[in-house]
Protein backbone atom coordinates (compact mmCIF):
# COMPACT_ATOMS: atom_id res chain seq x y z
CA UNK A 1 -3.58 19.04 4.96
CA UNK A 2 -6.54 19.13 6.19
CA UNK A 3 -9.54 17.20 4.80
CA UNK A 4 -13.24 18.07 4.55
CA UNK A 5 -16.11 16.01 3.34
CA UNK A 6 -19.32 18.56 2.95
CA UNK A 7 -22.70 17.77 1.89
CA UNK A 8 -24.67 20.50 0.35
CA UNK A 9 -28.34 20.37 0.56
CA UNK A 10 -30.98 22.05 -1.73
CA UNK A 11 -34.34 21.43 -3.82
CA UNK A 12 -33.30 19.74 -6.48
CA UNK A 13 -29.44 19.33 -6.20
CA UNK A 14 -28.23 21.57 -8.87
CA UNK A 15 -28.43 25.57 -7.84
CA UNK A 16 -25.35 24.34 -5.61
CA UNK A 17 -22.97 23.29 -8.87
CA UNK A 18 -21.39 26.92 -8.88
CA UNK A 19 -21.40 27.23 -5.06
CA UNK A 20 -19.20 23.53 -4.94
CA UNK A 21 -16.31 24.83 -7.84
CA UNK A 22 -15.98 28.39 -5.51
CA UNK A 23 -15.74 25.95 -1.95
CA UNK A 24 -12.88 23.48 -4.06
CA UNK A 25 -11.20 26.67 -5.01
CA UNK A 26 -11.15 28.23 -1.48
CA UNK A 27 -9.82 24.97 -0.01
CA UNK A 28 -6.96 24.83 -2.73
CA UNK A 29 -5.81 27.74 -1.62
CA UNK A 30 -5.82 27.08 1.97
CA UNK A 31 -4.64 23.54 1.23
CA UNK A 32 -7.79 22.35 2.50
CA UNK A 33 -8.81 19.49 0.71
CA UNK A 34 -12.71 19.54 0.44
CA UNK A 35 -15.19 16.56 -0.89
CA UNK A 36 -18.24 18.37 -1.70
CA UNK A 37 -21.56 17.17 -2.63
CA UNK A 38 -24.60 18.47 -3.67
CA UNK A 39 -28.37 16.36 -3.30
CA UNK A 40 -31.76 17.38 -2.86
CA UNK A 41 -32.77 17.20 0.37
CA UNK A 42 -35.02 14.18 -0.16
CA UNK A 43 -32.13 11.99 -1.59
CA UNK A 44 -29.98 12.34 1.80
CA UNK A 45 -30.43 9.18 3.56
CA UNK A 46 -28.04 7.03 1.01
CA UNK A 47 -25.63 10.21 1.05
CA UNK A 48 -24.61 10.74 5.00
CA UNK A 49 -21.99 7.87 4.96
CA UNK A 50 -17.89 9.74 5.82
CA UNK A 51 -19.67 13.32 6.00
CA UNK A 52 -18.10 15.90 8.16
CA UNK A 53 -20.73 18.45 7.85
CA UNK A 54 -24.53 19.21 6.15
CA UNK A 55 -25.10 22.15 4.94
CA UNK A 56 -28.61 23.14 3.98
CA UNK A 57 -29.25 26.15 1.28
CA UNK A 58 -31.71 28.76 2.40
CA UNK A 59 -34.47 27.77 -0.29
CA UNK A 60 -34.57 24.27 2.11
CA UNK A 61 -34.17 26.00 5.73
CA UNK A 62 -37.41 24.43 6.72
CA UNK A 63 -36.23 20.90 6.82
CA UNK A 64 -33.50 21.56 9.08
CA UNK A 65 -35.40 19.54 11.57
CA UNK A 66 -36.02 16.72 9.53
CA UNK A 67 -32.27 16.55 8.36
CA UNK A 68 -31.33 16.80 11.97
CA UNK A 69 -33.32 14.02 13.24
CA UNK A 70 -32.12 12.14 10.13
CA UNK A 71 -28.22 12.37 10.99
CA UNK A 72 -29.36 11.54 14.48
CA UNK A 73 -26.38 13.63 16.11
CA UNK A 74 -23.71 12.34 14.45
CA UNK A 75 -22.75 14.97 11.81
CA UNK A 76 -23.28 18.72 12.14
CA UNK A 77 -26.16 20.28 10.37
CA UNK A 78 -26.65 23.71 9.73
CA UNK A 79 -28.22 26.72 7.39
CA UNK A 80 -25.92 27.87 5.00
CA UNK A 81 -25.63 31.97 5.55
CA UNK A 82 -27.88 33.54 3.08
CA UNK A 83 -25.45 36.73 1.86
CA UNK A 84 -22.74 33.76 1.26
CA UNK A 85 -25.01 31.75 -0.66
CA UNK A 86 -26.88 34.30 -2.82
CA UNK A 87 -23.63 35.71 -3.37
CA UNK A 88 -21.80 31.90 -3.71
CA UNK A 89 -19.23 33.42 -1.71
CA UNK A 90 -17.04 29.65 -1.45
CA UNK A 91 -14.62 31.07 1.09
CA UNK A 92 -17.30 32.26 3.69
CA UNK A 93 -19.20 28.67 3.12
CA UNK A 94 -16.02 27.08 3.77
CA UNK A 95 -15.33 28.57 6.84
CA UNK A 96 -18.57 27.93 8.09
CA UNK A 97 -18.42 24.20 7.71
CA UNK A 98 -14.81 24.19 8.94
CA UNK A 99 -16.57 26.08 12.04
CA UNK A 100 -19.02 23.41 12.64
CA UNK A 101 -16.75 20.38 12.52
CA UNK A 102 -14.80 19.27 15.51
CA UNK A 103 -11.32 17.75 13.86
């Protein structure tokens, strides 16, 4: 079984709660253990430990440079595909996260 620790970033940390459930469900269907956390962009610094990938919600895409500087190249950072986010497509977001992680 694979395991992936994903940090989702949004404005207030709340709009991603449904997406977390969808990602975890997609992971379970593929026998991939997922640990998904959501945090507001201004609360990231203390929540980066043990994360495999950081995915930004489209609404905070303007913070990508700041987040990349924060992780100092140690964790892949990407913006969640807008259509996947808009439709809460957990499978697509999980695949995006897996494609960024070098395991």
